[in-house]
Structure formats: structure tokens, C-alpha cells
PDB file of N, CA and C in Angstrom:
ATOM      1  N   MET A   1      -1.994 -31.000  17.078  1.00  0.00           N
ATOM      2  CA  MET A   1      -1.426 -31.022  15.742  1.00  0.00           C
ATOM      3  C   MET A   1      -2.189 -30.067  14.814  1.00  0.00           C
ATOM      4  N   LYS A   2      -3.524 -30.092  14.900  1.00  0.00           N
ATOM      5  CA  LYS A   2      -4.309 -29.206  14.049  1.00  0.00           C
ATOM      6  C   LYS A   2      -4.041 -27.736  14.374  1.00  0.00           C
ATOM      7  N   ARG A   3      -3.881 -27.414  15.670  1.00  0.00           N
ATOM      8  CA  ARG A   3      -3.601 -26.027  16.057  1.00  0.00           C
ATOM      9  C   ARG A   3      -2.273 -25.564  15.484  1.00  0.00           C
ATOM     10  N   ALA A   4      -1.276 -26.418  15.567  1.00  0.00           N
ATOM     11  CA  ALA A   4       0.054 -26.077  15.040  1.00  0.00           C
ATOM     12  C   ALA A   4      -0.009 -25.837  13.544  1.00  0.00           C
ATOM     13  N   LEU A   5      -0.730 -26.682  12.840  1.00  0.00           N
ATOM     14  CA  LEU A   5      -0.866 -26.528  11.383  1.00  0.00           C
ATOM     15  C   LEU A   5      -1.616 -25.258  11.065  1.00  0.00           C
ATOM     16  N   PHE A   6      -2.687 -24.974  11.779  1.00  0.00           N
ATOM     17  CA  PHE A   6      -3.431 -23.737  11.561  1.00  0.00           C
ATOM     18  C   PHE A   6      -2.569 -22.523  11.815  1.00  0.00           C
ATOM     19  N   ALA A   7      -1.808 -22.539  12.894  1.00  0.00           N
ATOM     20  CA  ALA A   7      -0.917 -21.420  13.239  1.00  0.00           C
ATOM     21  C   ALA A   7       0.134 -21.213  12.152  1.00  0.00           C
ATOM     22  N   LEU A   8       0.662 -22.293  11.614  1.00  0.00           N
ATOM     23  CA  LEU A   8       1.654 -22.211  10.563  1.00  0.00           C
ATOM     24  C   LEU A   8       1.071 -21.605   9.292  1.00  0.00           C
ATOM     25  N   ILE A   9      -0.133 -22.058   8.938  1.00  0.00           N
ATOM     26  CA  ILE A   9      -0.822 -21.522   7.754  1.00  0.00           C
ATOM     27  C   ILE A   9      -1.148 -20.052   7.932  1.00  0.00           C
ATOM     28  N   ALA A  10      -1.636 -19.672   9.093  1.00  0.00           N
ATOM     29  CA  ALA A  10      -1.959 -18.281   9.381  1.00  0.00           C
ATOM     30  C   ALA A  10      -0.719 -17.408   9.317  1.00  0.00           C
ATOM     31  N   ALA A  11       0.366 -17.876   9.879  1.00  0.00           N
ATOM     32  CA  ALA A  11       1.616 -17.107   9.852  1.00  0.00           C
ATOM     33  C   ALA A  11       2.131 -16.959   8.439  1.00  0.00           C
ATOM     34  N   ALA A  12       2.048 -17.997   7.649  1.00  0.00           N
ATOM     35  CA  ALA A  12       2.493 -17.932   6.245  1.00  0.00           C
ATOM     36  C   ALA A  12       1.648 -16.952   5.452  1.00  0.00           C
ATOM     37  N   ALA A  13       0.375 -16.886   5.732  1.00  0.00           N
ATOM     38  CA  ALA A  13      -0.496 -15.958   5.015  1.00  0.00           C
ATOM     39  C   ALA A  13      -0.169 -14.507   5.356  1.00  0.00           C
ATOM     40  N   CYS A  14       0.350 -14.258   6.535  1.00  0.00           N
ATOM     41  CA  CYS A  14       0.686 -12.901   6.945  1.00  0.00           C
ATOM     42  C   CYS A  14       2.035 -12.433   6.421  1.00  0.00           C
ATOM     43  N   LEU A  15       2.880 -13.319   6.022  1.00  0.00           N
ATOM     44  CA  LEU A  15       4.229 -12.942   5.611  1.00  0.00           C
ATOM     45  C   LEU A  15       4.254 -11.938   4.454  1.00  0.00           C
ATOM     46  N   PRO A  16       3.477 -12.138   3.365  1.00  0.00           N
ATOM     47  CA  PRO A  16       3.525 -11.147   2.289  1.00  0.00           C
ATOM     48  C   PRO A  16       3.073  -9.777   2.775  1.00  0.00           C
ATOM     49  N   ALA A  17       2.031  -9.704   3.595  1.00  0.00           N
ATOM     50  CA  ALA A  17       1.545  -8.409   4.074  1.00  0.00           C
ATOM     51  C   ALA A  17       2.597  -7.738   4.949  1.00  0.00           C
ATOM     52  N   MET A  18       3.276  -8.513   5.784  1.00  0.00           N
ATOM     53  CA  MET A  18       4.296  -7.953   6.622  1.00  0.00           C
ATOM     54  C   MET A  18       5.490  -7.492   5.790  1.00  0.00           C
ATOM     55  N   ALA A  19       5.818  -8.272   4.758  1.00  0.00           N
ATOM     56  CA  ALA A  19       6.946  -7.901   3.902  1.00  0.00           C
ATOM     57  C   ALA A  19       6.639  -6.610   3.155  1.00  0.00           C
ATOM     58  N   ASP A  20       5.408  -6.433   2.702  1.00  0.00           N
ATOM     59  CA  ASP A  20       5.054  -5.217   1.997  1.00  0.00           C
ATOM     60  C   ASP A  20       4.951  -4.034   2.938  1.00  0.00           C
ATOM     61  N   LEU A  21       4.534  -4.267   4.155  1.00  0.00           N
ATOM     62  CA  LEU A  21       4.590  -3.205   5.155  1.00  0.00           C
ATOM     63  C   LEU A  21       6.032  -2.795   5.397  1.00  0.00           C
ATOM     64  N   ALA A  22       6.910  -3.787   5.417  1.00  0.00           N
ATOM     65  CA  ALA A  22       8.344  -3.488   5.591  1.00  0.00           C
ATOM     66  C   ALA A  22       8.854  -2.655   4.402  1.00  0.00           C
ATOM     67  N   LEU A  23       8.432  -2.997   3.196  1.00  0.00           N
ATOM     68  CA  LEU A  23       8.842  -2.234   2.013  1.00  0.00           C
ATOM     69  C   LEU A  23       8.316  -0.815   2.109  1.00  0.00           C
ATOM     70  N   ALA A  24       7.044  -0.655   2.462  1.00  0.00           N
ATOM     71  CA  ALA A  24       6.449   0.682   2.607  1.00  0.00           C
ATOM     72  C   ALA A  24       7.178   1.512   3.658  1.00  0.00           C
ATOM     73  N   THR A  25       7.583   0.860   4.726  1.00  0.00           N
ATOM     74  CA  THR A  25       8.307   1.552   5.774  1.00  0.00           C
ATOM     75  C   THR A  25       9.683   1.933   5.292  1.00  0.00           C
ATOM     76  N   SER A  26      10.376   1.023   4.597  1.00  0.00           N
ATOM     77  CA  SER A  26      11.739   1.296   4.138  1.00  0.00           C
ATOM     78  C   SER A  26      11.771   2.368   3.061  1.00  0.00           C
ATOM     79  N   LYS A  27      10.691   2.564   2.354  1.00  0.00           N
ATOM     80  CA  LYS A  27      10.635   3.590   1.286  1.00  0.00           C
ATOM     81  C   LYS A  27       9.969   4.888   1.767  1.00  0.00           C
ATOM     82  N   ASN A  28       9.793   5.022   3.058  1.00  0.00           N
ATOM     83  CA  ASN A  28       9.264   6.218   3.726  1.00  0.00           C
ATOM     84  C   ASN A  28       7.779   6.489   3.437  1.00  0.00           C
ATOM     85  N   CYS A  29       7.061   5.523   2.922  1.00  0.00           N
ATOM     86  CA  CYS A  29       5.634   5.695   2.677  1.00  0.00           C
ATOM     87  C   CYS A  29       4.860   5.938   3.972  1.00  0.00           C
ATOM     88  N   MET A  30       5.304   5.258   5.027  1.00  0.00           N
ATOM     89  CA  MET A  30       4.588   5.314   6.293  1.00  0.00           C
ATOM     90  C   MET A  30       4.824   6.624   7.040  1.00  0.00           C
ATOM     91  N   SER A  31       5.679   7.474   6.492  1.00  0.00           N
ATOM     92  CA  SER A  31       5.857   8.830   7.083  1.00  0.00           C
ATOM     93  C   SER A  31       4.614   9.661   6.870  1.00  0.00           C
ATOM     94  N   CYS A  32       3.901   9.433   5.765  1.00  0.00           N
ATOM     95  CA  CYS A  32       2.716  10.224   5.434  1.00  0.00           C
ATOM     96  C   CYS A  32       1.411   9.422   5.443  1.00  0.00           C
ATOM     97  N   HIS A  33       1.527   8.098   5.414  1.00  0.00           N
ATOM     98  CA  HIS A  33       0.355   7.230   5.356  1.00  0.00           C
ATOM     99  C   HIS A  33       0.334   6.249   6.506  1.00  0.00           C
ATOM    100  N   ALA A  34      -0.839   5.831   6.888  1.00  0.00           N
ATOM    101  CA  ALA A  34      -1.031   4.738   7.850  1.00  0.00           C
ATOM    102  C   ALA A  34      -2.042   3.786   7.230  1.00  0.00           C
ATOM    103  N   ILE A  35      -2.115   2.594   7.745  1.00  0.00           N
ATOM    104  CA  ILE A  35      -3.037   1.610   7.195  1.00  0.00           C
ATOM    105  C   ILE A  35      -4.478   1.997   7.448  1.00  0.00           C
ATOM    106  N   ASP A  36      -4.772   2.442   8.660  1.00  0.00           N
ATOM    107  CA  ASP A  36      -6.188   2.639   9.028  1.00  0.00           C
ATOM    108  C   ASP A  36      -6.565   4.031   9.496  1.00  0.00           C
ATOM    109  N   LYS A  37      -5.680   5.020   9.322  1.00  0.00           N
ATOM    110  CA  LYS A  37      -6.051   6.386   9.694  1.00  0.00           C
ATOM    111  C   LYS A  37      -5.341   7.373   8.789  1.00  0.00           C
ATOM    112  N   LYS A  38      -5.960   8.516   8.604  1.00  0.00           N
ATOM    113  CA  LYS A  38      -5.374   9.575   7.776  1.00  0.00           C
ATOM    114  C   LYS A  38      -4.228  10.241   8.543  1.00  0.00           C
ATOM    115  N   LEU A  39      -3.137  10.424   7.879  1.00  0.00           N
ATOM    116  CA  LEU A  39      -2.024  11.230   8.421  1.00  0.00           C
ATOM    117  C   LEU A  39      -1.920  12.441   7.518  1.00  0.00           C
ATOM    118  N   VAL A  40      -0.792  12.632   6.867  1.00  0.00           N
ATOM    119  CA  VAL A  40      -0.687  13.678   5.858  1.00  0.00           C
ATOM    120  C   VAL A  40      -1.470  13.245   4.620  1.00  0.00           C
ATOM    121  N   GLY A  41      -1.332  11.980   4.275  1.00  0.00           N
ATOM    122  CA  GLY A  41      -2.079  11.407   3.156  1.00  0.00           C
ATOM    123  C   GLY A  41      -3.189  10.506   3.664  1.00  0.00           C
ATOM    124  N   PRO A  42      -3.967   9.969   2.760  1.00  0.00           N
ATOM    125  CA  PRO A  42      -5.099   9.119   3.151  1.00  0.00           C
ATOM    126  C   PRO A  42      -4.637   7.799   3.765  1.00  0.00           C
ATOM    127  N   ALA A  43      -5.537   7.200   4.543  1.00  0.00           N
ATOM    128  CA  ALA A  43      -5.303   5.844   5.051  1.00  0.00           C
ATOM    129  C   ALA A  43      -5.296   4.887   3.883  1.00  0.00           C
ATOM    130  N   TYR A  44      -4.414   3.905   3.954  1.00  0.00           N
ATOM    131  CA  TYR A  44      -4.358   2.923   2.887  1.00  0.00           C
ATOM    132  C   TYR A  44      -5.666   2.162   2.709  1.00  0.00           C
ATOM    133  N   LYS A  45      -6.396   1.945   3.798  1.00  0.00           N
ATOM    134  CA  LYS A  45      -7.706   1.279   3.679  1.00  0.00           C
ATOM    135  C   LYS A  45      -8.667   2.138   2.866  1.00  0.00           C
ATOM    136  N   ASP A  46      -8.589   3.447   2.995  1.00  0.00           N
ATOM    137  CA  ASP A  46      -9.439   4.358   2.207  1.00  0.00           C
ATOM    138  C   ASP A  46      -9.040   4.317   0.730  1.00  0.00           C
ATOM    139  N   VAL A  47      -7.759   4.233   0.457  1.00  0.00           N
ATOM    140  CA  VAL A  47      -7.281   4.123  -0.929  1.00  0.00           C
ATOM    141  C   VAL A  47      -7.794   2.826  -1.530  1.00  0.00           C
ATOM    142  N   ALA A  48      -7.672   1.737  -0.783  1.00  0.00           N
ATOM    143  CA  ALA A  48      -8.147   0.431  -1.264  1.00  0.00           C
ATOM    144  C   ALA A  48      -9.632   0.482  -1.586  1.00  0.00           C
ATOM    145  N   ALA A  49     -10.415   1.132  -0.720  1.00  0.00           N
ATOM    146  CA  ALA A  49     -11.859   1.222  -0.931  1.00  0.00           C
ATOM    147  C   ALA A  49     -12.170   2.047  -2.180  1.00  0.00           C
ATOM    148  N   LYS A  50     -11.443   3.148  -2.366  1.00  0.00           N
ATOM    149  CA  LYS A  50     -11.693   4.037  -3.518  1.00  0.00           C
ATOM    150  C   LYS A  50     -11.406   3.347  -4.836  1.00  0.00           C
ATOM    151  N   TYR A  51     -10.358   2.524  -4.886  1.00  0.00           N
ATOM    152  CA  TYR A  51      -9.942   1.898  -6.125  1.00  0.00           C
ATOM    153  C   TYR A  51     -10.433   0.456  -6.255  1.00  0.00           C
ATOM    154  N   ALA A  52     -11.243  -0.016  -5.322  1.00  0.00           N
ATOM    155  CA  ALA A  52     -11.737  -1.396  -5.360  1.00  0.00           C
ATOM    156  C   ALA A  52     -12.490  -1.671  -6.662  1.00  0.00           C
ATOM    157  N   GLY A  53     -12.172  -2.784  -7.282  1.00  0.00           N
ATOM    158  CA  GLY A  53     -12.871  -3.204  -8.495  1.00  0.00           C
ATOM    159  C   GLY A  53     -12.368  -2.562  -9.774  1.00  0.00           C
ATOM    160  N   GLN A  54     -11.456  -1.634  -9.694  1.00  0.00           N
ATOM    161  CA  GLN A  54     -10.910  -1.011 -10.902  1.00  0.00           C
ATOM    162  C   GLN A  54      -9.770  -1.882 -11.442  1.00  0.00           C
ATOM    163  N   LYS A  55      -9.911  -2.330 -12.663  1.00  0.00           N
ATOM    164  CA  LYS A  55      -8.929  -3.255 -13.238  1.00  0.00           C
ATOM    165  C   LYS A  55      -7.543  -2.628 -13.382  1.00  0.00           C
ATOM    166  N   ASP A  56      -7.475  -1.338 -13.570  1.00  0.00           N
ATOM    167  CA  ASP A  56      -6.195  -0.675 -13.778  1.00  0.00           C
ATOM    168  C   ASP A  56      -5.682   0.016 -12.508  1.00  0.00           C
ATOM    169  N   ALA A  57      -6.220  -0.375 -11.365  1.00  0.00           N
ATOM    170  CA  ALA A  57      -5.864   0.290 -10.106  1.00  0.00           C
ATOM    171  C   ALA A  57      -4.386   0.167  -9.762  1.00  0.00           C
ATOM    172  N   VAL A  58      -3.793  -1.009  -9.971  1.00  0.00           N
ATOM    173  CA  VAL A  58      -2.374  -1.176  -9.639  1.00  0.00           C
ATOM    174  C   VAL A  58      -1.534  -0.251 -10.508  1.00  0.00           C
ATOM    175  N   ASP A  59      -1.856  -0.149 -11.785  1.00  0.00           N
ATOM    176  CA  ASP A  59      -1.110   0.745 -12.679  1.00  0.00           C
ATOM    177  C   ASP A  59      -1.283   2.215 -12.270  1.00  0.00           C
ATOM    178  N   LYS A  60      -2.515   2.619 -11.960  1.00  0.00           N
ATOM    179  CA  LYS A  60      -2.798   4.000 -11.547  1.00  0.00           C
ATOM    180  C   LYS A  60      -2.021   4.336 -10.287  1.00  0.00           C
ATOM    181  N   LEU A  61      -2.131   3.465  -9.284  1.00  0.00           N
ATOM    182  CA  LEU A  61      -1.461   3.748  -8.005  1.00  0.00           C
ATOM    183  C   LEU A  61       0.029   3.680  -8.103  1.00  0.00           C
ATOM    184  N   SER A  62       0.570   2.735  -8.860  1.00  0.00           N
ATOM    185  CA  SER A  62       2.031   2.669  -8.984  1.00  0.00           C
ATOM    186  C   SER A  62       2.581   3.898  -9.676  1.00  0.00           C
ATOM    187  N   ALA A  63       1.851   4.439 -10.654  1.00  0.00           N
ATOM    188  CA  ALA A  63       2.277   5.686 -11.307  1.00  0.00           C
ATOM    189  C   ALA A  63       2.260   6.839 -10.316  1.00  0.00           C
ATOM    190  N   LYS A  64       1.236   6.897  -9.463  1.00  0.00           N
ATOM    191  CA  LYS A  64       1.170   7.970  -8.459  1.00  0.00           C
ATOM    192  C   LYS A  64       2.296   7.831  -7.425  1.00  0.00           C
ATOM    193  N   ILE A  65       2.635   6.606  -7.091  1.00  0.00           N
ATOM    194  CA  ILE A  65       3.719   6.397  -6.137  1.00  0.00           C
ATOM    195  C   ILE A  65       5.021   6.936  -6.726  1.00  0.00           C
ATOM    196  N   MET A  66       5.288   6.632  -7.974  1.00  0.00           N
ATOM    197  CA  MET A  66       6.549   7.047  -8.588  1.00  0.00           C
ATOM    198  C   MET A  66       6.586   8.503  -8.996  1.00  0.00           C
ATOM    199  N   LYS A  67       5.456   9.023  -9.509  1.00  0.00           N
ATOM    200  CA  LYS A  67       5.418  10.387 -10.062  1.00  0.00           C
ATOM    201  C   LYS A  67       4.793  11.432  -9.145  1.00  0.00           C
ATOM    202  N   GLY A  68       4.063  10.971  -8.139  1.00  0.00           N
ATOM    203  CA  GLY A  68       3.331  11.898  -7.269  1.00  0.00           C
ATOM    204  C   GLY A  68       1.976  12.212  -7.865  1.00  0.00           C
ATOM    205  N   GLY A  69       1.247  13.070  -7.178  1.00  0.00           N
ATOM    206  CA  GLY A  69      -0.070  13.437  -7.657  1.00  0.00           C
ATOM    207  C   GLY A  69      -0.686  14.519  -6.766  1.00  0.00           C
ATOM    208  N   SER A  70      -1.812  15.050  -7.208  1.00  0.00           N
ATOM    209  CA  SER A  70      -2.483  16.064  -6.401  1.00  0.00           C
ATOM    210  C   SER A  70      -3.967  16.115  -6.761  1.00  0.00           C
ATOM    211  N   GLY A  71      -4.735  16.657  -5.802  1.00  0.00           N
ATOM    212  CA  GLY A  71      -6.135  16.913  -6.034  1.00  0.00           C
ATOM    213  C   GLY A  71      -7.090  15.761  -5.781  1.00  0.00           C
ATOM    214  N   VAL A  72      -6.590  14.552  -5.597  1.00  0.00           N
ATOM    215  CA  VAL A  72      -7.484  13.420  -5.410  1.00  0.00           C
ATOM    216  C   VAL A  72      -7.952  13.306  -3.965  1.00  0.00           C
ATOM    217  N   TRP A  73      -7.054  13.597  -3.015  1.00  0.00           N
ATOM    218  CA  TRP A  73      -7.354  13.420  -1.594  1.00  0.00           C
ATOM    219  C   TRP A  73      -7.333  14.750  -0.823  1.00  0.00           C
ATOM    220  N   GLY A  74      -7.383  15.849  -1.523  1.00  0.00           N
ATOM    221  CA  GLY A  74      -7.352  17.142  -0.860  1.00  0.00           C
ATOM    222  C   GLY A  74      -6.228  18.008  -1.392  1.00  0.00           C
ATOM    223  N   PRO A  75      -5.946  19.112  -0.701  1.00  0.00           N
ATOM    224  CA  PRO A  75      -5.009  20.077  -1.238  1.00  0.00           C
ATOM    225  C   PRO A  75      -3.530  19.723  -1.091  1.00  0.00           C
ATOM    226  N   VAL A  76      -3.194  18.773  -0.250  1.00  0.00           N
ATOM    227  CA  VAL A  76      -1.775  18.438  -0.055  1.00  0.00           C
ATOM    228  C   VAL A  76      -1.313  17.485  -1.141  1.00  0.00           C
ATOM    229  N   PRO A  77      -0.362  17.898  -1.986  1.00  0.00           N
ATOM    230  CA  PRO A  77       0.091  17.010  -3.051  1.00  0.00           C
ATOM    231  C   PRO A  77       0.967  15.881  -2.501  1.00  0.00           C
ATOM    232  N   MET A  78       0.955  14.780  -3.193  1.00  0.00           N
ATOM    233  CA  MET A  78       1.848  13.672  -2.870  1.00  0.00           C
ATOM    234  C   MET A  78       3.085  13.827  -3.740  1.00  0.00           C
ATOM    235  N   PRO A  79       4.257  13.960  -3.123  1.00  0.00           N
ATOM    236  CA  PRO A  79       5.457  14.077  -3.930  1.00  0.00           C
ATOM    237  C   PRO A  79       5.834  12.741  -4.575  1.00  0.00           C
ATOM    238  N   ALA A  80       6.606  12.810  -5.623  1.00  0.00           N
ATOM    239  CA  ALA A  80       7.128  11.597  -6.257  1.00  0.00           C
ATOM    240  C   ALA A  80       8.050  10.889  -5.268  1.00  0.00           C
ATOM    241  N   ASN A  81       7.975   9.565  -5.250  1.00  0.00           N
ATOM    242  CA  ASN A  81       8.870   8.813  -4.409  1.00  0.00           C
ATOM    243  C   ASN A  81       9.998   8.276  -5.301  1.00  0.00           C
ATOM    244  N   THR A  82      11.118   8.987  -5.292  1.00  0.00           N
ATOM    245  CA  THR A  82      12.247   8.650  -6.150  1.00  0.00           C
ATOM    246  C   THR A  82      13.042   7.449  -5.625  1.00  0.00           C
ATOM    247  N   GLN A  83      12.708   6.961  -4.443  1.00  0.00           N
ATOM    248  CA  GLN A  83      13.355   5.792  -3.884  1.00  0.00           C
ATOM    249  C   GLN A  83      12.760   4.473  -4.385  1.00  0.00           C
ATOM    250  N   VAL A  84      11.657   4.559  -5.102  1.00  0.00           N
ATOM    251  CA  VAL A  84      10.898   3.385  -5.505  1.00  0.00           C
ATOM    252  C   VAL A  84      11.062   3.140  -7.008  1.00  0.00           C
ATOM    253  N   ASN A  85      11.422   1.919  -7.378  1.00  0.00           N
ATOM    254  CA  ASN A  85      11.447   1.577  -8.797  1.00  0.00           C
ATOM    255  C   ASN A  85      10.075   1.055  -9.217  1.00  0.00           C
ATOM    256  N   GLU A  86       9.917   0.764 -10.496  1.00  0.00           N
ATOM    257  CA  GLU A  86       8.597   0.378 -11.018  1.00  0.00           C
ATOM    258  C   GLU A  86       8.094  -0.923 -10.383  1.00  0.00           C
ATOM    259  N   ALA A  87       8.965  -1.907 -10.237  1.00  0.00           N
ATOM    260  CA  ALA A  87       8.521  -3.173  -9.625  1.00  0.00           C
ATOM    261  C   ALA A  87       8.096  -2.972  -8.185  1.00  0.00           C
ATOM    262  N   GLU A  88       8.825  -2.157  -7.432  1.00  0.00           N
ATOM    263  CA  GLU A  88       8.472  -1.894  -6.046  1.00  0.00           C
ATOM    264  C   GLU A  88       7.159  -1.112  -5.959  1.00  0.00           C
ATOM    265  N   ALA A  89       6.972  -0.162  -6.885  1.00  0.00           N
ATOM    266  CA  ALA A  89       5.733   0.618  -6.893  1.00  0.00           C
ATOM    267  C   ALA A  89       4.530  -0.278  -7.159  1.00  0.00           C
ATOM    268  N   LYS A  90       4.678  -1.211  -8.078  1.00  0.00           N
ATOM    269  CA  LYS A  90       3.565  -2.149  -8.367  1.00  0.00           C
ATOM    270  C   LYS A  90       3.299  -3.063  -7.181  1.00  0.00           C
ATOM    271  N   LYS A  91       4.355  -3.494  -6.516  1.00  0.00           N
ATOM    272  CA  LYS A  91       4.199  -4.354  -5.323  1.00  0.00           C
ATOM    273  C   LYS A  91       3.496  -3.575  -4.216  1.00  0.00           C
ATOM    274  N   LEU A  92       3.880  -2.338  -4.005  1.00  0.00           N
ATOM    275  CA  LEU A  92       3.249  -1.509  -2.985  1.00  0.00           C
ATOM    276  C   LEU A  92       1.778  -1.241  -3.314  1.00  0.00           C
ATOM    277  N   ALA A  93       1.510  -0.921  -4.579  1.00  0.00           N
ATOM    278  CA  ALA A  93       0.126  -0.659  -4.995  1.00  0.00           C
ATOM    279  C   ALA A  93      -0.746  -1.884  -4.806  1.00  0.00           C
ATOM    280  N   ALA A  94      -0.243  -3.038  -5.206  1.00  0.00           N
ATOM    281  CA  ALA A  94      -1.011  -4.274  -5.044  1.00  0.00           C
ATOM    282  C   ALA A  94      -1.275  -4.555  -3.567  1.00  0.00           C
ATOM    283  N   TRP A  95      -0.287  -4.304  -2.733  1.00  0.00           N
ATOM    284  CA  TRP A  95      -0.456  -4.503  -1.300  1.00  0.00           C
ATOM    285  C   TRP A  95      -1.519  -3.571  -0.727  1.00  0.00           C
ATOM    286  N   VAL A  96      -1.448  -2.280  -1.086  1.00  0.00           N
ATOM    287  CA  VAL A  96      -2.411  -1.312  -0.586  1.00  0.00           C
ATOM    288  C   VAL A  96      -3.833  -1.761  -0.946  1.00  0.00           C
ATOM    289  N   LEU A  97      -4.007  -2.271  -2.142  1.00  0.00           N
ATOM    290  CA  LEU A  97      -5.335  -2.685  -2.578  1.00  0.00           C
ATOM    291  C   LEU A  97      -5.887  -3.888  -1.830  1.00  0.00           C
ATOM    292  N   THR A  98      -5.049  -4.599  -1.090  1.00  0.00           N
ATOM    293  CA  THR A  98      -5.531  -5.726  -0.296  1.00  0.00           C
ATOM    294  C   THR A  98      -6.019  -5.282   1.097  1.00  0.00           C
ATOM    295  N   LEU A  99      -5.769  -4.043   1.457  1.00  0.00           N
ATOM    296  CA  LEU A  99      -6.090  -3.556   2.802  1.00  0.00           C
ATOM    297  C   LEU A  99      -7.497  -3.038   2.844  1.00  0.00           C
ATOM    298  N   LYS A 100      -8.426  -3.900   3.260  1.00  0.00           N
ATOM    299  CA  LYS A 100      -9.841  -3.510   3.270  1.00  0.00           C
ATOM    300  C   LYS A 100     -10.414  -3.550   4.652  1.00  0.00           C
TER     301      LYS A 100
END
């Protein structure tokens, strides 16, 4: 009984992360980013580490998701993601910041 309860709790805890990974995949974020390795853009774990502890990190990252950016992670600019609305950008940014 305890194992089943633990498994249920563990599975429930993973659902938001999986849902946000699904959102990132559906919005083509994973074409240039991976969770734990650099592709065209930085690994999401590296982004989380860079912005750790910054109170305005979600706002900064959501703006970069929607508008794009350059110069922070090297010479390749990040294009604006026009498929993402503000609420989705904030959800994605908050998710990225949990990946440590």
C-alpha cells in the first residue's frame, strides 16, 4: 500500500514537468534547446543556473521567449517565438527555472 501511494505521489509530481516539456516541444523550443545539453541554444539547466535566485527571472526569460534576444549565450541570436503567448511564455520560463 505504501509503495502504491509513493508511486502515485511521485507520478503526480512529475505531471507538471512533463506537461511543460510537452508545451516546449509543441512550441518548437526543443528544436534549439535541450534540458541537459547545448544544441543551437543553451541547455535549459544552464539557463536555470544562470538565473537562479533572480526575482525577475520569469519576466526576463518570458520576454526573451516572446521577443528573442542576442549576446547572452554567444553569437547565435534567439529568434522571437511568435507561436507563444504571454501566459505560455511565463509558464515555459517558470518551468525552465525548475530544471537544476
